[in-house]
Amino acid sequence: MQRPHPKKEIEAALVYAETCGWRVQPKRGNGHAWGKMLCPYHDVQCRCGEFCITSIWSTPRCAANHAKDLKRVVDHCAVVQQIVAFKAGVLAKI
């Protein structure tokens, strides 16, 4: 079990990311980053890998905004959007 993030808003965003299949990897030791989130697909389609790894800040200026940004990265994953679009197209034909 990983250690929880000290900011509850960010911890909630990390739980959301994990339920979407993302892997949360806390950093060992001290530093500016608390850890990182890794996309489960890590595919060429994922914006050339630009958003496949996202840093999680340990002490952001505004925890709510950083949590919102983390959720946005999860929700805007290129592979997930393609899967949703494909399923919507298939369902529209039924």
PDB file of N, CA and C in Angstrom:
ATOM      1  N   MET A   1       0.839  -1.179   0.000  1.00  0.00           N
ATOM      2  CA  MET A   1       0.000   0.000   0.000  1.00  0.00           C
ATOM      3  C   MET A   1       0.886   1.244   0.000  1.00  0.00           C
ATOM      4  N   GLN A   2       0.511   2.200  -0.827  1.00  0.00           N
ATOM      5  CA  GLN A   2       1.305   3.421  -0.912  1.00  0.00           C
ATOM      6  C   GLN A   2       0.943   4.386   0.203  1.00  0.00           C
ATOM      7  N   ARG A   3       1.858   5.275   0.479  1.00  0.00           N
ATOM      8  CA  ARG A   3       1.562   6.302   1.481  1.00  0.00           C
ATOM      9  C   ARG A   3       0.595   7.308   0.861  1.00  0.00           C
ATOM     10  N   PRO A   4      -0.345   7.808   1.635  1.00  0.00           N
ATOM     11  CA  PRO A   4      -1.309   8.761   1.072  1.00  0.00           C
ATOM     12  C   PRO A   4      -0.673  10.132   0.864  1.00  0.00           C
ATOM     13  N   HIS A   5      -1.208  10.861  -0.097  1.00  0.00           N
ATOM     14  CA  HIS A   5      -0.742  12.225  -0.333  1.00  0.00           C
ATOM     15  C   HIS A   5      -1.257  13.099   0.803  1.00  0.00           C
ATOM     16  N   PRO A   6      -0.453  14.051   1.288  1.00  0.00           N
ATOM     17  CA  PRO A   6      -0.885  14.875   2.423  1.00  0.00           C
ATOM     18  C   PRO A   6      -2.071  15.793   2.116  1.00  0.00           C
ATOM     19  N   LYS A   7      -2.308  16.119   0.857  1.00  0.00           N
ATOM     20  CA  LYS A   7      -3.438  16.972   0.481  1.00  0.00           C
ATOM     21  C   LYS A   7      -4.605  16.097   0.046  1.00  0.00           C
ATOM     22  N   LYS A   8      -5.746  16.236   0.712  1.00  0.00           N
ATOM     23  CA  LYS A   8      -6.882  15.346   0.463  1.00  0.00           C
ATOM     24  C   LYS A   8      -7.432  15.485  -0.952  1.00  0.00           C
ATOM     25  N   GLU A   9      -7.379  16.686  -1.539  1.00  0.00           N
ATOM     26  CA  GLU A   9      -7.881  16.871  -2.900  1.00  0.00           C
ATOM     27  C   GLU A   9      -7.038  16.083  -3.898  1.00  0.00           C
ATOM     28  N   ILE A  10      -5.730  16.108  -3.694  1.00  0.00           N
ATOM     29  CA  ILE A  10      -4.833  15.386  -4.594  1.00  0.00           C
ATOM     30  C   ILE A  10      -4.959  13.886  -4.371  1.00  0.00           C
ATOM     31  N   GLU A  11      -5.120  13.464  -3.137  1.00  0.00           N
ATOM     32  CA  GLU A  11      -5.309  12.038  -2.855  1.00  0.00           C
ATOM     33  C   GLU A  11      -6.567  11.527  -3.550  1.00  0.00           C
ATOM     34  N   ALA A  12      -7.636  12.324  -3.551  1.00  0.00           N
ATOM     35  CA  ALA A  12      -8.869  11.931  -4.239  1.00  0.00           C
ATOM     36  C   ALA A  12      -8.628  11.809  -5.746  1.00  0.00           C
ATOM     37  N   ALA A  13      -7.840  12.723  -6.316  1.00  0.00           N
ATOM     38  CA  ALA A  13      -7.518  12.649  -7.739  1.00  0.00           C
ATOM     39  C   ALA A  13      -6.674  11.413  -8.048  1.00  0.00           C
ATOM     40  N   LEU A  14      -5.791  11.035  -7.130  1.00  0.00           N
ATOM     41  CA  LEU A  14      -4.963   9.842  -7.335  1.00  0.00           C
ATOM     42  C   LEU A  14      -5.802   8.574  -7.270  1.00  0.00           C
ATOM     43  N   VAL A  15      -6.764   8.544  -6.371  1.00  0.00           N
ATOM     44  CA  VAL A  15      -7.683   7.396  -6.297  1.00  0.00           C
ATOM     45  C   VAL A  15      -8.472   7.297  -7.599  1.00  0.00           C
ATOM     46  N   TYR A  16      -8.921   8.444  -8.120  1.00  0.00           N
ATOM     47  CA  TYR A  16      -9.646   8.481  -9.392  1.00  0.00           C
ATOM     48  C   TYR A  16      -8.768   7.932 -10.515  1.00  0.00           C
ATOM     49  N   ALA A  17      -7.510   8.363 -10.559  1.00  0.00           N
ATOM     50  CA  ALA A  17      -6.590   7.897 -11.598  1.00  0.00           C
ATOM     51  C   ALA A  17      -6.383   6.388 -11.509  1.00  0.00           C
ATOM     52  N   GLU A  18      -6.256   5.877 -10.294  1.00  0.00           N
ATOM     53  CA  GLU A  18      -6.063   4.431 -10.120  1.00  0.00           C
ATOM     54  C   GLU A  18      -7.296   3.649 -10.563  1.00  0.00           C
ATOM     55  N   THR A  19      -8.488   4.183 -10.325  1.00  0.00           N
ATOM     56  CA  THR A  19      -9.696   3.481 -10.774  1.00  0.00           C
ATOM     57  C   THR A  19      -9.803   3.484 -12.294  1.00  0.00           C
ATOM     58  N   CYS A  20      -9.130   4.443 -12.944  1.00  0.00           N
ATOM     59  CA  CYS A  20      -9.115   4.498 -14.408  1.00  0.00           C
ATOM     60  C   CYS A  20      -7.956   3.689 -14.993  1.00  0.00           C
ATOM     61  N   GLY A  21      -7.212   3.008 -14.147  1.00  0.00           N
ATOM     62  CA  GLY A  21      -6.142   2.142 -14.622  1.00  0.00           C
ATOM     63  C   GLY A  21      -4.748   2.740 -14.553  1.00  0.00           C
ATOM     64  N   TRP A  22      -4.633   4.002 -14.189  1.00  0.00           N
ATOM     65  CA  TRP A  22      -3.322   4.632 -14.093  1.00  0.00           C
ATOM     66  C   TRP A  22      -2.584   4.091 -12.879  1.00  0.00           C
ATOM     67  N   ARG A  23      -1.264   4.029 -12.989  1.00  0.00           N
ATOM     68  CA  ARG A  23      -0.438   3.565 -11.878  1.00  0.00           C
ATOM     69  C   ARG A  23       0.154   4.780 -11.174  1.00  0.00           C
ATOM     70  N   VAL A  24      -0.004   4.836  -9.869  1.00  0.00           N
ATOM     71  CA  VAL A  24       0.548   5.926  -9.069  1.00  0.00           C
ATOM     72  C   VAL A  24       1.796   5.405  -8.379  1.00  0.00           C
ATOM     73  N   GLN A  25       2.903   6.106  -8.601  1.00  0.00           N
ATOM     74  CA  GLN A  25       4.193   5.654  -8.081  1.00  0.00           C
ATOM     75  C   GLN A  25       4.782   6.745  -7.182  1.00  0.00           C
ATOM     76  N   PRO A  26       4.650   6.584  -5.855  1.00  0.00           N
ATOM     77  CA  PRO A  26       5.253   7.580  -4.958  1.00  0.00           C
ATOM     78  C   PRO A  26       6.772   7.573  -5.093  1.00  0.00           C
ATOM     79  N   LYS A  27       7.347   8.755  -4.950  1.00  0.00           N
ATOM     80  CA  LYS A  27       8.798   8.889  -5.039  1.00  0.00           C
ATOM     81  C   LYS A  27       9.411   8.503  -3.700  1.00  0.00           C
ATOM     82  N   ARG A  28      10.554   7.888  -3.756  1.00  0.00           N
ATOM     83  CA  ARG A  28      11.256   7.544  -2.529  1.00  0.00           C
ATOM     84  C   ARG A  28      12.096   8.737  -2.084  1.00  0.00           C
ATOM     85  N   GLY A  29      12.103   8.991  -0.799  1.00  0.00           N
ATOM     86  CA  GLY A  29      12.904  10.099  -0.282  1.00  0.00           C
ATOM     87  C   GLY A  29      12.172  11.421  -0.362  1.00  0.00           C
ATOM     88  N   ASN A  30      12.930  12.485  -0.241  1.00  0.00           N
ATOM     89  CA  ASN A  30      12.363  13.831  -0.254  1.00  0.00           C
ATOM     90  C   ASN A  30      12.608  14.493  -1.599  1.00  0.00           C
ATOM     91  N   GLY A  31      11.919  15.561  -1.836  1.00  0.00           N
ATOM     92  CA  GLY A  31      12.090  16.316  -3.069  1.00  0.00           C
ATOM     93  C   GLY A  31      10.841  17.109  -3.376  1.00  0.00           C
ATOM     94  N   HIS A  32      10.855  17.775  -4.508  1.00  0.00           N
ATOM     95  CA  HIS A  32       9.723  18.612  -4.880  1.00  0.00           C
ATOM     96  C   HIS A  32       8.541  17.781  -5.358  1.00  0.00           C
ATOM     97  N   ALA A  33       8.810  16.698  -6.039  1.00  0.00           N
ATOM     98  CA  ALA A  33       7.728  15.851  -6.542  1.00  0.00           C
ATOM     99  C   ALA A  33       7.384  14.783  -5.509  1.00  0.00           C
ATOM    100  N   TRP A  34       6.090  14.564  -5.301  1.00  0.00           N
ATOM    101  CA  TRP A  34       5.636  13.517  -4.388  1.00  0.00           C
ATOM    102  C   TRP A  34       5.740  12.161  -5.076  1.00  0.00           C
ATOM    103  N   GLY A  35       5.544  12.183  -6.395  1.00  0.00           N
ATOM    104  CA  GLY A  35       5.606  10.947  -7.164  1.00  0.00           C
ATOM    105  C   GLY A  35       5.198  11.210  -8.597  1.00  0.00           C
ATOM    106  N   LYS A  36       4.753  10.156  -9.289  1.00  0.00           N
ATOM    107  CA  LYS A  36       4.307  10.317 -10.666  1.00  0.00           C
ATOM    108  C   LYS A  36       3.174   9.358 -10.979  1.00  0.00           C
ATOM    109  N   MET A  37       2.383   9.737 -11.975  1.00  0.00           N
ATOM    110  CA  MET A  37       1.299   8.896 -12.487  1.00  0.00           C
ATOM    111  C   MET A  37       1.730   8.379 -13.851  1.00  0.00           C
ATOM    112  N   LEU A  38       1.481   7.095 -14.089  1.00  0.00           N
ATOM    113  CA  LEU A  38       1.870   6.491 -15.356  1.00  0.00           C
ATOM    114  C   LEU A  38       0.634   5.962 -16.074  1.00  0.00           C
ATOM    115  N   CYS A  39       0.504   6.334 -17.335  1.00  0.00           N
ATOM    116  CA  CYS A  39      -0.631   5.912 -18.160  1.00  0.00           C
ATOM    117  C   CYS A  39      -0.579   4.399 -18.360  1.00  0.00           C
ATOM    118  N   PRO A  40      -1.725   3.713 -18.292  1.00  0.00           N
ATOM    119  CA  PRO A  40      -1.711   2.265 -18.482  1.00  0.00           C
ATOM    120  C   PRO A  40      -1.433   1.863 -19.925  1.00  0.00           C
ATOM    121  N   TYR A  41      -1.643   2.760 -20.878  1.00  0.00           N
ATOM    122  CA  TYR A  41      -1.485   2.410 -22.291  1.00  0.00           C
ATOM    123  C   TYR A  41      -0.076   2.698 -22.785  1.00  0.00           C
ATOM    124  N   HIS A  42       0.512   3.817 -22.388  1.00  0.00           N
ATOM    125  CA  HIS A  42       1.861   4.234 -22.796  1.00  0.00           C
ATOM    126  C   HIS A  42       2.107   3.852 -24.249  1.00  0.00           C
ATOM    127  N   ASP A  43       1.271   4.405 -25.111  1.00  0.00           N
ATOM    128  CA  ASP A  43       1.243   4.056 -26.517  1.00  0.00           C
ATOM    129  C   ASP A  43       1.744   5.234 -27.351  1.00  0.00           C
ATOM    130  N   VAL A  44       2.098   4.961 -28.597  1.00  0.00           N
ATOM    131  CA  VAL A  44       2.516   6.020 -29.511  1.00  0.00           C
ATOM    132  C   VAL A  44       1.369   7.004 -29.722  1.00  0.00           C
ATOM    133  N   GLN A  45       0.131   6.502 -29.663  1.00  0.00           N
ATOM    134  CA  GLN A  45      -1.045   7.350 -29.840  1.00  0.00           C
ATOM    135  C   GLN A  45      -1.223   8.324 -28.683  1.00  0.00           C
ATOM    136  N   CYS A  46      -0.618   8.056 -27.557  1.00  0.00           N
ATOM    137  CA  CYS A  46      -0.752   8.917 -26.374  1.00  0.00           C
ATOM    138  C   CYS A  46       0.103  10.170 -26.532  1.00  0.00           C
ATOM    139  N   ARG A  47      -0.202  10.964 -27.522  1.00  0.00           N
ATOM    140  CA  ARG A  47       0.465  12.255 -27.713  1.00  0.00           C
ATOM    141  C   ARG A  47       1.987  12.110 -27.690  1.00  0.00           C
ATOM    142  N   CYS A  48       2.472  11.083 -28.342  1.00  0.00           N
ATOM    143  CA  CYS A  48       3.917  10.809 -28.440  1.00  0.00           C
ATOM    144  C   CYS A  48       4.562  10.650 -27.067  1.00  0.00           C
ATOM    145  N   GLY A  49       3.809  10.169 -26.102  1.00  0.00           N
ATOM    146  CA  GLY A  49       4.345   9.939 -24.771  1.00  0.00           C
ATOM    147  C   GLY A  49       4.391  11.170 -23.899  1.00  0.00           C
ATOM    148  N   GLU A  50       3.881  12.304 -24.403  1.00  0.00           N
ATOM    149  CA  GLU A  50       3.976  13.555 -23.646  1.00  0.00           C
ATOM    150  C   GLU A  50       3.245  13.480 -22.314  1.00  0.00           C
ATOM    151  N   PHE A  51       2.077  12.861 -22.295  1.00  0.00           N
ATOM    152  CA  PHE A  51       1.301  12.804 -21.068  1.00  0.00           C
ATOM    153  C   PHE A  51       1.256  11.404 -20.467  1.00  0.00           C
ATOM    154  N   CYS A  52       2.117  10.518 -20.917  1.00  0.00           N
ATOM    155  CA  CYS A  52       2.120   9.164 -20.373  1.00  0.00           C
ATOM    156  C   CYS A  52       2.678   9.129 -18.956  1.00  0.00           C
ATOM    157  N   ILE A  53       3.477  10.114 -18.603  1.00  0.00           N
ATOM    158  CA  ILE A  53       4.009  10.227 -17.246  1.00  0.00           C
ATOM    159  C   ILE A  53       3.737  11.651 -16.767  1.00  0.00           C
ATOM    160  N   THR A  54       3.095  11.777 -15.619  1.00  0.00           N
ATOM    161  CA  THR A  54       2.747  13.083 -15.069  1.00  0.00           C
ATOM    162  C   THR A  54       3.273  13.190 -13.646  1.00  0.00           C
ATOM    163  N   SER A  55       3.936  14.292 -13.339  1.00  0.00           N
ATOM    164  CA  SER A  55       4.456  14.509 -11.985  1.00  0.00           C
ATOM    165  C   SER A  55       3.343  14.910 -11.028  1.00  0.00           C
ATOM    166  N   ILE A  56       3.455  14.413  -9.808  1.00  0.00           N
ATOM    167  CA  ILE A  56       2.528  14.774  -8.734  1.00  0.00           C
ATOM    168  C   ILE A  56       3.327  15.622  -7.755  1.00  0.00           C
ATOM    169  N   TRP A  57       2.915  16.859  -7.587  1.00  0.00           N
ATOM    170  CA  TRP A  57       3.642  17.769  -6.706  1.00  0.00           C
ATOM    171  C   TRP A  57       3.336  17.460  -5.258  1.00  0.00           C
ATOM    172  N   SER A  58       4.327  17.636  -4.417  1.00  0.00           N
ATOM    173  CA  SER A  58       4.110  17.378  -2.989  1.00  0.00           C
ATOM    174  C   SER A  58       3.450  18.562  -2.298  1.00  0.00           C
ATOM    175  N   THR A  59       3.823  19.780  -2.673  1.00  0.00           N
ATOM    176  CA  THR A  59       3.241  20.976  -2.046  1.00  0.00           C
ATOM    177  C   THR A  59       2.873  21.993  -3.121  1.00  0.00           C
ATOM    178  N   PRO A  60       1.791  21.757  -3.858  1.00  0.00           N
ATOM    179  CA  PRO A  60       1.392  22.730  -4.878  1.00  0.00           C
ATOM    180  C   PRO A  60       0.853  24.001  -4.237  1.00  0.00           C
ATOM    181  N   ARG A  61       0.888  25.081  -4.976  1.00  0.00           N
ATOM    182  CA  ARG A  61       0.369  26.351  -4.467  1.00  0.00           C
ATOM    183  C   ARG A  61      -1.120  26.223  -4.161  1.00  0.00           C
ATOM    184  N   CYS A  62      -1.851  25.577  -5.067  1.00  0.00           N
ATOM    185  CA  CYS A  62      -3.286  25.363  -4.858  1.00  0.00           C
ATOM    186  C   CYS A  62      -3.577  23.881  -5.107  1.00  0.00           C
ATOM    187  N   ALA A  63      -3.845  23.149  -4.054  1.00  0.00           N
ATOM    188  CA  ALA A  63      -4.052  21.704  -4.162  1.00  0.00           C
ATOM    189  C   ALA A  63      -5.259  21.374  -5.033  1.00  0.00           C
ATOM    190  N   ALA A  64      -6.313  22.176  -4.941  1.00  0.00           N
ATOM    191  CA  ALA A  64      -7.518  21.913  -5.733  1.00  0.00           C
ATOM    192  C   ALA A  64      -7.229  22.035  -7.228  1.00  0.00           C
ATOM    193  N   ASN A  65      -6.457  23.042  -7.621  1.00  0.00           N
ATOM    194  CA  ASN A  65      -6.117  23.206  -9.038  1.00  0.00           C
ATOM    195  C   ASN A  65      -5.218  22.079  -9.531  1.00  0.00           C
ATOM    196  N   HIS A  66      -4.259  21.664  -8.711  1.00  0.00           N
ATOM    197  CA  HIS A  66      -3.376  20.572  -9.119  1.00  0.00           C
ATOM    198  C   HIS A  66      -4.169  19.271  -9.241  1.00  0.00           C
ATOM    199  N   ALA A  67      -5.103  19.040  -8.325  1.00  0.00           N
ATOM    200  CA  ALA A  67      -5.952  17.848  -8.406  1.00  0.00           C
ATOM    201  C   ALA A  67      -6.788  17.879  -9.681  1.00  0.00           C
ATOM    202  N   LYS A  68      -7.307  19.052 -10.026  1.00  0.00           N
ATOM    203  CA  LYS A  68      -8.100  19.201 -11.245  1.00  0.00           C
ATOM    204  C   LYS A  68      -7.243  18.915 -12.475  1.00  0.00           C
ATOM    205  N   ASP A  69      -5.995  19.384 -12.456  1.00  0.00           N
ATOM    206  CA  ASP A  69      -5.074  19.136 -13.567  1.00  0.00           C
ATOM    207  C   ASP A  69      -4.766  17.647 -13.711  1.00  0.00           C
ATOM    208  N   LEU A  70      -4.587  16.954 -12.598  1.00  0.00           N
ATOM    209  CA  LEU A  70      -4.315  15.513 -12.651  1.00  0.00           C
ATOM    210  C   LEU A  70      -5.505  14.764 -13.241  1.00  0.00           C
ATOM    211  N   LYS A  71      -6.716  15.136 -12.831  1.00  0.00           N
ATOM    212  CA  LYS A  71      -7.917  14.500 -13.385  1.00  0.00           C
ATOM    213  C   LYS A  71      -8.052  14.796 -14.873  1.00  0.00           C
ATOM    214  N   ARG A  72      -7.688  16.006 -15.271  1.00  0.00           N
ATOM    215  CA  ARG A  72      -7.772  16.386 -16.684  1.00  0.00           C
ATOM    216  C   ARG A  72      -6.837  15.525 -17.528  1.00  0.00           C
ATOM    217  N   VAL A  73      -5.640  15.259 -17.029  1.00  0.00           N
ATOM    218  CA  VAL A  73      -4.694  14.410 -17.756  1.00  0.00           C
ATOM    219  C   VAL A  73      -5.289  13.018 -17.951  1.00  0.00           C
ATOM    220  N   VAL A  74      -5.909  12.475 -16.918  1.00  0.00           N
ATOM    221  CA  VAL A  74      -6.527  11.149 -17.010  1.00  0.00           C
ATOM    222  C   VAL A  74      -7.680  11.174 -18.014  1.00  0.00           C
ATOM    223  N   ASP A  75      -8.540  12.181 -17.910  1.00  0.00           N
ATOM    224  CA  ASP A  75      -9.724  12.248 -18.764  1.00  0.00           C
ATOM    225  C   ASP A  75      -9.397  12.527 -20.224  1.00  0.00           C
ATOM    226  N   HIS A  76      -8.279  13.191 -20.498  1.00  0.00           N
ATOM    227  CA  HIS A  76      -7.927  13.546 -21.868  1.00  0.00           C
ATOM    228  C   HIS A  76      -6.890  12.613 -22.478  1.00  0.00           C
ATOM    229  N   CYS A  77      -6.745  11.437 -21.927  1.00  0.00           N
ATOM    230  CA  CYS A  77      -5.839  10.435 -22.503  1.00  0.00           C
ATOM    231  C   CYS A  77      -6.316  10.115 -23.925  1.00  0.00           C
ATOM    232  N   ALA A  78      -5.428  10.211 -24.906  1.00  0.00           N
ATOM    233  CA  ALA A  78      -5.796  10.035 -26.308  1.00  0.00           C
ATOM    234  C   ALA A  78      -6.353   8.643 -26.583  1.00  0.00           C
ATOM    235  N   VAL A  79      -5.785   7.621 -25.992  1.00  0.00           N
ATOM    236  CA  VAL A  79      -6.252   6.252 -26.229  1.00  0.00           C
ATOM    237  C   VAL A  79      -7.649   6.065 -25.660  1.00  0.00           C
ATOM    238  N   VAL A  80      -7.901   6.578 -24.469  1.00  0.00           N
ATOM    239  CA  VAL A  80      -9.226   6.454 -23.857  1.00  0.00           C
ATOM    240  C   VAL A  80     -10.258   7.181 -24.703  1.00  0.00           C
ATOM    241  N   GLN A  81      -9.927   8.353 -25.214  1.00  0.00           N
ATOM    242  CA  GLN A  81     -10.866   9.089 -26.055  1.00  0.00           C
ATOM    243  C   GLN A  81     -11.181   8.321 -27.330  1.00  0.00           C
ATOM    244  N   GLN A  82     -10.195   7.635 -27.906  1.00  0.00           N
ATOM    245  CA  GLN A  82     -10.441   6.827 -29.101  1.00  0.00           C
ATOM    246  C   GLN A  82     -11.338   5.640 -28.781  1.00  0.00           C
ATOM    247  N   ILE A  83     -11.133   5.011 -27.628  1.00  0.00           N
ATOM    248  CA  ILE A  83     -11.968   3.877 -27.222  1.00  0.00           C
ATOM    249  C   ILE A  83     -13.407   4.334 -27.027  1.00  0.00           C
ATOM    250  N   VAL A  84     -13.596   5.472 -26.359  1.00  0.00           N
ATOM    251  CA  VAL A  84     -14.944   5.995 -26.123  1.00  0.00           C
ATOM    252  C   VAL A  84     -15.613   6.349 -27.447  1.00  0.00           C
ATOM    253  N   ALA A  85     -14.880   6.982 -28.364  1.00  0.00           N
ATOM    254  CA  ALA A  85     -15.438   7.351 -29.664  1.00  0.00           C
ATOM    255  C   ALA A  85     -15.817   6.106 -30.459  1.00  0.00           C
ATOM    256  N   PHE A  86     -14.992   5.072 -30.399  1.00  0.00           N
ATOM    257  CA  PHE A  86     -15.286   3.829 -31.108  1.00  0.00           C
ATOM    258  C   PHE A  86     -16.551   3.188 -30.558  1.00  0.00           C
ATOM    259  N   LYS A  87     -16.649   3.110 -29.228  1.00  0.00           N
ATOM    260  CA  LYS A  87     -17.835   2.513 -28.610  1.00  0.00           C
ATOM    261  C   LYS A  87     -19.085   3.319 -28.934  1.00  0.00           C
ATOM    262  N   ALA A  88     -18.973   4.641 -28.966  1.00  0.00           N
ATOM    263  CA  ALA A  88     -20.124   5.483 -29.301  1.00  0.00           C
ATOM    264  C   ALA A  88     -20.552   5.243 -30.744  1.00  0.00           C
ATOM    265  N   GLY A  89     -19.584   5.071 -31.641  1.00  0.00           N
ATOM    266  CA  GLY A  89     -19.898   4.789 -33.040  1.00  0.00           C
ATOM    267  C   GLY A  89     -20.561   3.439 -33.213  1.00  0.00           C
ATOM    268  N   VAL A  90     -20.096   2.447 -32.492  1.00  0.00           N
ATOM    269  CA  VAL A  90     -20.686   1.106 -32.560  1.00  0.00           C
ATOM    270  C   VAL A  90     -22.102   1.130 -32.008  1.00  0.00           C
ATOM    271  N   LEU A  91     -22.304   1.814 -30.888  1.00  0.00           N
ATOM    272  CA  LEU A  91     -23.635   1.886 -30.289  1.00  0.00           C
ATOM    273  C   LEU A  91     -24.598   2.676 -31.163  1.00  0.00           C
ATOM    274  N   ALA A  92     -24.098   3.659 -31.906  1.00  0.00           N
ATOM    275  CA  ALA A  92     -24.966   4.455 -32.776  1.00  0.00           C
ATOM    276  C   ALA A  92     -25.489   3.618 -33.937  1.00  0.00           C
ATOM    277  N   LYS A  93     -24.725   2.599 -34.341  1.00  0.00           N
ATOM    278  CA  LYS A  93     -25.137   1.742 -35.456  1.00  0.00           C
ATOM    279  C   LYS A  93     -26.158   0.696 -35.042  1.00  0.00           C
ATOM    280  N   ILE A  94     -26.292   0.471 -33.745  1.00  0.00           N
ATOM    281  CA  ILE A  94     -27.220  -0.565 -33.259  1.00  0.00           C
ATOM    282  C   ILE A  94     -28.633  -0.056 -33.270  1.00  0.00           C
TER     283      ILE A  94
END
